[in-house]
Amino acid sequence: MSLETRHAILDALLTVLDEERALAVIEHRRITIRKPLTLYAAKLLAKRFAEWGDGNEAADMMIERTWQGFDSSWVRDRPRPALTGNGMIDALMRH
């Protein structure tokens, strides 16, 4: 994978995650479950995180539960946070 692609994957995740979580998601996919992210998959995953309302919390749940991805319908034991209005979904739509 080229350095340019790696940066693009990180940038896609940074639209909804802080840097620590974005790097953790990349590491989780690459090392823990051995299914590295493609750029397209990173964009889809960022969209799913944003749909939860708190991308960082969604990423934490994905990593804690050793999931390959994230879907809010899988989480029934936590209330969904209110959207913060910080434009996460708008940012995703521009990418």
PDB file of N, CA and C in Angstrom:
ATOM      1  N   MET A   1       0.853  -1.174   0.000  1.00  0.00           N
ATOM      2  CA  MET A   1       0.000   0.000   0.000  1.00  0.00           C
ATOM      3  C   MET A   1       0.904   1.244   0.000  1.00  0.00           C
ATOM      4  N   SER A   2       0.578   2.179  -0.838  1.00  0.00           N
ATOM      5  CA  SER A   2       1.413   3.371  -0.943  1.00  0.00           C
ATOM      6  C   SER A   2       1.213   4.300   0.252  1.00  0.00           C
ATOM      7  N   LEU A   3       2.201   5.115   0.480  1.00  0.00           N
ATOM      8  CA  LEU A   3       2.123   6.100   1.557  1.00  0.00           C
ATOM      9  C   LEU A   3       0.959   7.058   1.319  1.00  0.00           C
ATOM     10  N   GLU A   4       0.738   7.400   0.072  1.00  0.00           N
ATOM     11  CA  GLU A   4      -0.371   8.295  -0.279  1.00  0.00           C
ATOM     12  C   GLU A   4      -1.717   7.674   0.108  1.00  0.00           C
ATOM     13  N   THR A   5      -1.880   6.387  -0.163  1.00  0.00           N
ATOM     14  CA  THR A   5      -3.121   5.687   0.185  1.00  0.00           C
ATOM     15  C   THR A   5      -3.296   5.628   1.694  1.00  0.00           C
ATOM     16  N   ARG A   6      -2.207   5.351   2.424  1.00  0.00           N
ATOM     17  CA  ARG A   6      -2.282   5.306   3.889  1.00  0.00           C
ATOM     18  C   ARG A   6      -2.724   6.645   4.457  1.00  0.00           C
ATOM     19  N   HIS A   7      -2.188   7.731   3.896  1.00  0.00           N
ATOM     20  CA  HIS A   7      -2.590   9.067   4.361  1.00  0.00           C
ATOM     21  C   HIS A   7      -4.055   9.338   4.024  1.00  0.00           C
ATOM     22  N   ALA A   8      -4.504   8.898   2.863  1.00  0.00           N
ATOM     23  CA  ALA A   8      -5.900   9.099   2.474  1.00  0.00           C
ATOM     24  C   ALA A   8      -6.846   8.332   3.395  1.00  0.00           C
ATOM     25  N   ILE A   9      -6.455   7.123   3.796  1.00  0.00           N
ATOM     26  CA  ILE A   9      -7.265   6.331   4.733  1.00  0.00           C
ATOM     27  C   ILE A   9      -7.357   7.051   6.076  1.00  0.00           C
ATOM     28  N   LEU A  10      -6.222   7.525   6.568  1.00  0.00           N
ATOM     29  CA  LEU A  10      -6.213   8.270   7.826  1.00  0.00           C
ATOM     30  C   LEU A  10      -7.081   9.523   7.707  1.00  0.00           C
ATOM     31  N   ASP A  11      -6.947  10.255   6.614  1.00  0.00           N
ATOM     32  CA  ASP A  11      -7.746  11.469   6.413  1.00  0.00           C
ATOM     33  C   ASP A  11      -9.240  11.168   6.403  1.00  0.00           C
ATOM     34  N   ALA A  12      -9.629  10.055   5.793  1.00  0.00           N
ATOM     35  CA  ALA A  12     -11.053   9.683   5.756  1.00  0.00           C
ATOM     36  C   ALA A  12     -11.577   9.452   7.172  1.00  0.00           C
ATOM     37  N   LEU A  13     -10.795   8.775   7.994  1.00  0.00           N
ATOM     38  CA  LEU A  13     -11.229   8.515   9.367  1.00  0.00           C
ATOM     39  C   LEU A  13     -11.198   9.776  10.222  1.00  0.00           C
ATOM     40  N   LEU A  14     -10.265  10.671   9.934  1.00  0.00           N
ATOM     41  CA  LEU A  14     -10.164  11.905  10.714  1.00  0.00           C
ATOM     42  C   LEU A  14     -11.347  12.841  10.502  1.00  0.00           C
ATOM     43  N   THR A  15     -12.183  12.565   9.514  1.00  0.00           N
ATOM     44  CA  THR A  15     -13.376  13.396   9.328  1.00  0.00           C
ATOM     45  C   THR A  15     -14.364  13.210  10.464  1.00  0.00           C
ATOM     46  N   VAL A  16     -14.265  12.059  11.187  1.00  0.00           N
ATOM     47  CA  VAL A  16     -15.209  11.787  12.278  1.00  0.00           C
ATOM     48  C   VAL A  16     -14.542  11.336  13.576  1.00  0.00           C
ATOM     49  N   LEU A  17     -13.242  11.058  13.538  1.00  0.00           N
ATOM     50  CA  LEU A  17     -12.530  10.566  14.711  1.00  0.00           C
ATOM     51  C   LEU A  17     -11.386  11.486  15.082  1.00  0.00           C
ATOM     52  N   ASP A  18     -10.997  11.439  16.351  1.00  0.00           N
ATOM     53  CA  ASP A  18      -9.762  12.131  16.707  1.00  0.00           C
ATOM     54  C   ASP A  18      -8.596  11.266  16.217  1.00  0.00           C
ATOM     55  N   GLU A  19      -7.395  11.826  16.230  1.00  0.00           N
ATOM     56  CA  GLU A  19      -6.247  11.131  15.638  1.00  0.00           C
ATOM     57  C   GLU A  19      -5.934   9.821  16.359  1.00  0.00           C
ATOM     58  N   GLU A  20      -6.021   9.822  17.676  1.00  0.00           N
ATOM     59  CA  GLU A  20      -5.726   8.605  18.432  1.00  0.00           C
ATOM     60  C   GLU A  20      -6.658   7.468  18.019  1.00  0.00           C
ATOM     61  N   ARG A  21      -7.948   7.753  17.897  1.00  0.00           N
ATOM     62  CA  ARG A  21      -8.915   6.723  17.531  1.00  0.00           C
ATOM     63  C   ARG A  21      -8.727   6.287  16.079  1.00  0.00           C
ATOM     64  N   ALA A  22      -8.470   7.247  15.200  1.00  0.00           N
ATOM     65  CA  ALA A  22      -8.273   6.896  13.795  1.00  0.00           C
ATOM     66  C   ALA A  22      -7.094   5.932  13.642  1.00  0.00           C
ATOM     67  N   LEU A  23      -5.999   6.231  14.309  1.00  0.00           N
ATOM     68  CA  LEU A  23      -4.837   5.345  14.255  1.00  0.00           C
ATOM     69  C   LEU A  23      -5.139   3.996  14.896  1.00  0.00           C
ATOM     70  N   ALA A  24      -5.922   4.004  15.970  1.00  0.00           N
ATOM     71  CA  ALA A  24      -6.288   2.757  16.642  1.00  0.00           C
ATOM     72  C   ALA A  24      -7.163   1.883  15.740  1.00  0.00           C
ATOM     73  N   VAL A  25      -8.074   2.493  15.010  1.00  0.00           N
ATOM     74  CA  VAL A  25      -8.938   1.735  14.091  1.00  0.00           C
ATOM     75  C   VAL A  25      -8.088   1.103  12.986  1.00  0.00           C
ATOM     76  N   ILE A  26      -7.160   1.858  12.438  1.00  0.00           N
ATOM     77  CA  ILE A  26      -6.283   1.326  11.392  1.00  0.00           C
ATOM     78  C   ILE A  26      -5.467   0.155  11.934  1.00  0.00           C
ATOM     79  N   GLU A  27      -4.907   0.327  13.120  1.00  0.00           N
ATOM     80  CA  GLU A  27      -4.115  -0.731  13.742  1.00  0.00           C
ATOM     81  C   GLU A  27      -4.985  -1.955  14.056  1.00  0.00           C
ATOM     82  N   HIS A  28      -6.176  -1.727  14.580  1.00  0.00           N
ATOM     83  CA  HIS A  28      -7.105  -2.818  14.899  1.00  0.00           C
ATOM     84  C   HIS A  28      -7.390  -3.652  13.655  1.00  0.00           C
ATOM     85  N   ARG A  29      -7.702  -2.975  12.566  1.00  0.00           N
ATOM     86  CA  ARG A  29      -8.022  -3.694  11.332  1.00  0.00           C
ATOM     87  C   ARG A  29      -6.796  -4.418  10.774  1.00  0.00           C
ATOM     88  N   ARG A  30      -5.646  -3.788  10.816  1.00  0.00           N
ATOM     89  CA  ARG A  30      -4.443  -4.358  10.210  1.00  0.00           C
ATOM     90  C   ARG A  30      -3.827  -5.468  11.061  1.00  0.00           C
ATOM     91  N   ILE A  31      -3.753  -5.253  12.365  1.00  0.00           N
ATOM     92  CA  ILE A  31      -3.035  -6.180  13.234  1.00  0.00           C
ATOM     93  C   ILE A  31      -3.965  -7.156  13.955  1.00  0.00           C
ATOM     94  N   THR A  32      -5.003  -6.647  14.602  1.00  0.00           N
ATOM     95  CA  THR A  32      -5.857  -7.503  15.423  1.00  0.00           C
ATOM     96  C   THR A  32      -6.679  -8.469  14.582  1.00  0.00           C
ATOM     97  N   ILE A  33      -7.378  -7.950  13.594  1.00  0.00           N
ATOM     98  CA  ILE A  33      -8.244  -8.848  12.826  1.00  0.00           C
ATOM     99  C   ILE A  33      -7.691  -9.170  11.438  1.00  0.00           C
ATOM    100  N   ARG A  34      -6.543  -8.583  11.101  1.00  0.00           N
ATOM    101  CA  ARG A  34      -5.826  -8.883   9.854  1.00  0.00           C
ATOM    102  C   ARG A  34      -6.673  -8.674   8.606  1.00  0.00           C
ATOM    103  N   LYS A  35      -7.413  -7.576   8.615  1.00  0.00           N
ATOM    104  CA  LYS A  35      -8.198  -7.166   7.457  1.00  0.00           C
ATOM    105  C   LYS A  35      -7.982  -5.658   7.268  1.00  0.00           C
ATOM    106  N   PRO A  36      -6.860  -5.296   6.657  1.00  0.00           N
ATOM    107  CA  PRO A  36      -6.535  -3.878   6.516  1.00  0.00           C
ATOM    108  C   PRO A  36      -7.610  -3.105   5.740  1.00  0.00           C
ATOM    109  N   LEU A  37      -7.756  -1.849   6.097  1.00  0.00           N
ATOM    110  CA  LEU A  37      -8.725  -0.982   5.434  1.00  0.00           C
ATOM    111  C   LEU A  37      -8.241  -0.567   4.055  1.00  0.00           C
ATOM    112  N   THR A  38      -9.157  -0.540   3.119  1.00  0.00           N
ATOM    113  CA  THR A  38      -8.929   0.134   1.854  1.00  0.00           C
ATOM    114  C   THR A  38      -9.449   1.559   2.025  1.00  0.00           C
ATOM    115  N   LEU A  39      -9.144   2.418   1.081  1.00  0.00           N
ATOM    116  CA  LEU A  39      -9.649   3.786   1.166  1.00  0.00           C
ATOM    117  C   LEU A  39     -11.175   3.796   1.134  1.00  0.00           C
ATOM    118  N   TYR A  40     -11.751   3.021   0.247  1.00  0.00           N
ATOM    119  CA  TYR A  40     -13.212   2.998   0.155  1.00  0.00           C
ATOM    120  C   TYR A  40     -13.844   2.473   1.451  1.00  0.00           C
ATOM    121  N   ALA A  41     -13.255   1.421   2.005  1.00  0.00           N
ATOM    122  CA  ALA A  41     -13.777   0.862   3.260  1.00  0.00           C
ATOM    123  C   ALA A  41     -13.654   1.879   4.398  1.00  0.00           C
ATOM    124  N   ALA A  42     -12.572   2.645   4.419  1.00  0.00           N
ATOM    125  CA  ALA A  42     -12.396   3.669   5.452  1.00  0.00           C
ATOM    126  C   ALA A  42     -13.481   4.736   5.346  1.00  0.00           C
ATOM    127  N   LYS A  43     -13.831   5.120   4.124  1.00  0.00           N
ATOM    128  CA  LYS A  43     -14.899   6.113   3.929  1.00  0.00           C
ATOM    129  C   LYS A  43     -16.245   5.561   4.398  1.00  0.00           C
ATOM    130  N   LEU A  44     -16.523   4.308   4.076  1.00  0.00           N
ATOM    131  CA  LEU A  44     -17.775   3.697   4.527  1.00  0.00           C
ATOM    132  C   LEU A  44     -17.817   3.577   6.044  1.00  0.00           C
ATOM    133  N   LEU A  45     -16.700   3.182   6.633  1.00  0.00           N
ATOM    134  CA  LEU A  45     -16.637   3.031   8.083  1.00  0.00           C
ATOM    135  C   LEU A  45     -16.815   4.387   8.769  1.00  0.00           C
ATOM    136  N   ALA A  46     -16.197   5.422   8.235  1.00  0.00           N
ATOM    137  CA  ALA A  46     -16.355   6.767   8.796  1.00  0.00           C
ATOM    138  C   ALA A  46     -17.827   7.190   8.750  1.00  0.00           C
ATOM    139  N   LYS A  47     -18.502   6.864   7.671  1.00  0.00           N
ATOM    140  CA  LYS A  47     -19.929   7.190   7.556  1.00  0.00           C
ATOM    141  C   LYS A  47     -20.737   6.478   8.643  1.00  0.00           C
ATOM    142  N   ARG A  48     -20.437   5.207   8.882  1.00  0.00           N
ATOM    143  CA  ARG A  48     -21.140   4.446   9.920  1.00  0.00           C
ATOM    144  C   ARG A  48     -20.864   5.019  11.313  1.00  0.00           C
ATOM    145  N   PHE A  49     -19.609   5.396  11.560  1.00  0.00           N
ATOM    146  CA  PHE A  49     -19.273   6.017  12.839  1.00  0.00           C
ATOM    147  C   PHE A  49     -20.064   7.306  13.024  1.00  0.00           C
ATOM    148  N   ALA A  50     -20.146   8.119  11.995  1.00  0.00           N
ATOM    149  CA  ALA A  50     -20.864   9.398  12.074  1.00  0.00           C
ATOM    150  C   ALA A  50     -22.352   9.179  12.331  1.00  0.00           C
ATOM    151  N   GLU A  51     -22.913   8.141  11.750  1.00  0.00           N
ATOM    152  CA  GLU A  51     -24.338   7.850  11.956  1.00  0.00           C
ATOM    153  C   GLU A  51     -24.649   7.557  13.418  1.00  0.00           C
ATOM    154  N   TRP A  52     -23.679   7.056  14.156  1.00  0.00           N
ATOM    155  CA  TRP A  52     -23.883   6.764  15.578  1.00  0.00           C
ATOM    156  C   TRP A  52     -24.080   8.053  16.353  1.00  0.00           C
ATOM    157  N   GLY A  53     -23.460   9.136  15.928  1.00  0.00           N
ATOM    158  CA  GLY A  53     -23.591  10.420  16.614  1.00  0.00           C
ATOM    159  C   GLY A  53     -22.323  10.828  17.330  1.00  0.00           C
ATOM    160  N   ASP A  54     -21.537   9.875  17.769  1.00  0.00           N
ATOM    161  CA  ASP A  54     -20.239  10.133  18.393  1.00  0.00           C
ATOM    162  C   ASP A  54     -19.271   9.118  17.791  1.00  0.00           C
ATOM    163  N   GLY A  55     -18.540   9.566  16.800  1.00  0.00           N
ATOM    164  CA  GLY A  55     -17.649   8.674  16.079  1.00  0.00           C
ATOM    165  C   GLY A  55     -16.624   7.996  16.963  1.00  0.00           C
ATOM    166  N   ASN A  56     -16.069   8.744  17.903  1.00  0.00           N
ATOM    167  CA  ASN A  56     -15.060   8.176  18.792  1.00  0.00           C
ATOM    168  C   ASN A  56     -15.635   7.046  19.644  1.00  0.00           C
ATOM    169  N   GLU A  57     -16.841   7.245  20.141  1.00  0.00           N
ATOM    170  CA  GLU A  57     -17.485   6.198  20.934  1.00  0.00           C
ATOM    171  C   GLU A  57     -17.758   4.963  20.069  1.00  0.00           C
ATOM    172  N   ALA A  58     -18.196   5.180  18.841  1.00  0.00           N
ATOM    173  CA  ALA A  58     -18.462   4.065  17.937  1.00  0.00           C
ATOM    174  C   ALA A  58     -17.170   3.291  17.645  1.00  0.00           C
ATOM    175  N   ALA A  59     -16.087   4.004  17.415  1.00  0.00           N
ATOM    176  CA  ALA A  59     -14.799   3.349  17.153  1.00  0.00           C
ATOM    177  C   ALA A  59     -14.349   2.543  18.366  1.00  0.00           C
ATOM    178  N   ASP A  60     -14.526   3.104  19.549  1.00  0.00           N
ATOM    179  CA  ASP A  60     -14.163   2.383  20.769  1.00  0.00           C
ATOM    180  C   ASP A  60     -14.951   1.086  20.898  1.00  0.00           C
ATOM    181  N   MET A  61     -16.252   1.137  20.613  1.00  0.00           N
ATOM    182  CA  MET A  61     -17.074  -0.073  20.692  1.00  0.00           C
ATOM    183  C   MET A  61     -16.602  -1.106  19.679  1.00  0.00           C
ATOM    184  N   MET A  62     -16.295  -0.664  18.466  1.00  0.00           N
ATOM    185  CA  MET A  62     -15.830  -1.581  17.431  1.00  0.00           C
ATOM    186  C   MET A  62     -14.556  -2.296  17.879  1.00  0.00           C
ATOM    187  N   ILE A  63     -13.617  -1.535  18.423  1.00  0.00           N
ATOM    188  CA  ILE A  63     -12.349  -2.114  18.853  1.00  0.00           C
ATOM    189  C   ILE A  63     -12.548  -3.019  20.069  1.00  0.00           C
ATOM    190  N   GLU A  64     -13.312  -2.552  21.066  1.00  0.00           N
ATOM    191  CA  GLU A  64     -13.552  -3.354  22.276  1.00  0.00           C
ATOM    192  C   GLU A  64     -14.193  -4.699  21.956  1.00  0.00           C
ATOM    193  N   ARG A  65     -15.073  -4.696  20.981  1.00  0.00           N
ATOM    194  CA  ARG A  65     -15.822  -5.914  20.654  1.00  0.00           C
ATOM    195  C   ARG A  65     -15.189  -6.711  19.515  1.00  0.00           C
ATOM    196  N   THR A  66     -14.032  -6.269  19.077  1.00  0.00           N
ATOM    197  CA  THR A  66     -13.257  -6.916  18.017  1.00  0.00           C
ATOM    198  C   THR A  66     -14.065  -7.086  16.733  1.00  0.00           C
ATOM    199  N   TRP A  67     -14.820  -6.039  16.401  1.00  0.00           N
ATOM    200  CA  TRP A  67     -15.607  -6.061  15.175  1.00  0.00           C
ATOM    201  C   TRP A  67     -14.760  -5.603  14.004  1.00  0.00           C
ATOM    202  N   GLN A  68     -15.111  -6.084  12.833  1.00  0.00           N
ATOM    203  CA  GLN A  68     -14.455  -5.650  11.604  1.00  0.00           C
ATOM    204  C   GLN A  68     -14.980  -4.285  11.177  1.00  0.00           C
ATOM    205  N   GLY A  69     -16.238  -4.024  11.445  1.00  0.00           N
ATOM    206  CA  GLY A  69     -16.878  -2.773  11.075  1.00  0.00           C
ATOM    207  C   GLY A  69     -17.773  -2.288  12.197  1.00  0.00           C
ATOM    208  N   PHE A  70     -18.710  -1.413  11.844  1.00  0.00           N
ATOM    209  CA  PHE A  70     -19.627  -0.887  12.841  1.00  0.00           C
ATOM    210  C   PHE A  70     -20.975  -0.625  12.202  1.00  0.00           C
ATOM    211  N   ASP A  71     -22.013  -1.024  12.914  1.00  0.00           N
ATOM    212  CA  ASP A  71     -23.383  -0.714  12.516  1.00  0.00           C
ATOM    213  C   ASP A  71     -24.155  -0.438  13.800  1.00  0.00           C
ATOM    214  N   SER A  72     -24.818   0.691  13.846  1.00  0.00           N
ATOM    215  CA  SER A  72     -25.508   1.079  15.083  1.00  0.00           C
ATOM    216  C   SER A  72     -26.586   0.079  15.495  1.00  0.00           C
ATOM    217  N   SER A  73     -27.118  -0.681  14.549  1.00  0.00           N
ATOM    218  CA  SER A  73     -28.149  -1.669  14.907  1.00  0.00           C
ATOM    219  C   SER A  73     -27.569  -2.818  15.732  1.00  0.00           C
ATOM    220  N   TRP A  74     -26.248  -2.983  15.740  1.00  0.00           N
ATOM    221  CA  TRP A  74     -25.624  -4.041  16.530  1.00  0.00           C
ATOM    222  C   TRP A  74     -25.538  -3.676  18.000  1.00  0.00           C
ATOM    223  N   VAL A  75     -25.729  -2.407  18.319  1.00  0.00           N
ATOM    224  CA  VAL A  75     -25.529  -1.929  19.690  1.00  0.00           C
ATOM    225  C   VAL A  75     -26.886  -1.664  20.312  1.00  0.00           C
ATOM    226  N   ARG A  76     -27.314  -2.571  21.128  1.00  0.00           N
ATOM    227  CA  ARG A  76     -28.616  -2.432  21.777  1.00  0.00           C
ATOM    228  C   ARG A  76     -28.481  -2.114  23.261  1.00  0.00           C
ATOM    229  N   ASP A  77     -27.251  -2.250  23.783  1.00  0.00           N
ATOM    230  CA  ASP A  77     -27.051  -2.041  25.213  1.00  0.00           C
ATOM    231  C   ASP A  77     -26.628  -0.617  25.559  1.00  0.00           C
ATOM    232  N   ARG A  78     -26.510   0.264  24.570  1.00  0.00           N
ATOM    233  CA  ARG A  78     -26.140   1.654  24.832  1.00  0.00           C
ATOM    234  C   ARG A  78     -27.093   2.581  24.094  1.00  0.00           C
ATOM    235  N   PRO A  79     -27.509   3.640  24.761  1.00  0.00           N
ATOM    236  CA  PRO A  79     -28.341   4.608  24.046  1.00  0.00           C
ATOM    237  C   PRO A  79     -27.498   5.359  23.026  1.00  0.00           C
ATOM    238  N   ARG A  80     -28.102   5.655  21.905  1.00  0.00           N
ATOM    239  CA  ARG A  80     -27.406   6.401  20.859  1.00  0.00           C
ATOM    240  C   ARG A  80     -27.260   7.853  21.303  1.00  0.00           C
ATOM    241  N   PRO A  81     -26.055   8.430  21.186  1.00  0.00           N
ATOM    242  CA  PRO A  81     -25.885   9.829  21.563  1.00  0.00           C
ATOM    243  C   PRO A  81     -26.607  10.743  20.578  1.00  0.00           C
ATOM    244  N   ALA A  82     -26.998  11.889  21.050  1.00  0.00           N
ATOM    245  CA  ALA A  82     -27.628  12.866  20.174  1.00  0.00           C
ATOM    246  C   ALA A  82     -26.578  13.404  19.219  1.00  0.00           C
ATOM    247  N   LEU A  83     -26.980  13.676  17.996  1.00  0.00           N
ATOM    248  CA  LEU A  83     -26.040  14.272  17.052  1.00  0.00           C
ATOM    249  C   LEU A  83     -25.607  15.621  17.593  1.00  0.00           C
ATOM    250  N   THR A  84     -24.335  15.893  17.461  1.00  0.00           N
ATOM    251  CA  THR A  84     -23.780  17.100  18.057  1.00  0.00           C
ATOM    252  C   THR A  84     -23.938  18.323  17.176  1.00  0.00           C
ATOM    253  N   GLY A  85     -24.321  18.119  15.933  1.00  0.00           N
ATOM    254  CA  GLY A  85     -24.452  19.261  15.040  1.00  0.00           C
ATOM    255  C   GLY A  85     -23.119  19.823  14.615  1.00  0.00           C
ATOM    256  N   ASN A  86     -22.065  19.022  14.726  1.00  0.00           N
ATOM    257  CA  ASN A  86     -20.747  19.517  14.368  1.00  0.00           C
ATOM    258  C   ASN A  86     -20.392  19.251  12.918  1.00  0.00           C
ATOM    259  N   GLY A  87     -21.352  18.809  12.150  1.00  0.00           N
ATOM    260  CA  GLY A  87     -21.131  18.667  10.720  1.00  0.00           C
ATOM    261  C   GLY A  87     -20.410  17.404  10.304  1.00  0.00           C
ATOM    262  N   MET A  88     -20.382  16.385  11.159  1.00  0.00           N
ATOM    263  CA  MET A  88     -19.670  15.162  10.797  1.00  0.00           C
ATOM    264  C   MET A  88     -20.251  14.542   9.531  1.00  0.00           C
ATOM    265  N   ILE A  89     -21.561  14.444   9.462  1.00  0.00           N
ATOM    266  CA  ILE A  89     -22.172  13.829   8.296  1.00  0.00           C
ATOM    267  C   ILE A  89     -21.981  14.711   7.076  1.00  0.00           C
ATOM    268  N   ASP A  90     -22.093  16.025   7.228  1.00  0.00           N
ATOM    269  CA  ASP A  90     -21.847  16.930   6.115  1.00  0.00           C
ATOM    270  C   ASP A  90     -20.428  16.776   5.583  1.00  0.00           C
ATOM    271  N   ALA A  91     -19.479  16.633   6.486  1.00  0.00           N
ATOM    272  CA  ALA A  91     -18.089  16.452   6.076  1.00  0.00           C
ATOM    273  C   ALA A  91     -17.916  15.165   5.283  1.00  0.00           C
ATOM    274  N   LEU A  92     -18.605  14.118   5.698  1.00  0.00           N
ATOM    275  CA  LEU A  92     -18.505  12.857   4.987  1.00  0.00           C
ATOM    276  C   LEU A  92     -19.084  12.947   3.598  1.00  0.00           C
ATOM    277  N   MET A  93     -20.154  13.676   3.446  1.00  0.00           N
ATOM    278  CA  MET A  93     -20.792  13.784   2.155  1.00  0.00           C
ATOM    279  C   MET A  93     -19.927  14.519   1.144  1.00  0.00           C
ATOM    280  N   ARG A  94     -19.008  15.348   1.617  1.00  0.00           N
ATOM    281  CA  ARG A  94     -18.120  16.076   0.715  1.00  0.00           C
ATOM    282  C   ARG A  94     -16.988  15.194   0.214  1.00  0.00           C
ATOM    283  N   HIS A  95     -16.738  14.067   0.861  1.00  0.00           N
ATOM    284  CA  HIS A  95     -15.599  13.211   0.470  1.00  0.00           C
ATOM    285  C   HIS A  95     -16.018  12.161  -0.506  1.00  0.00           C
TER     286      HIS A  95
END
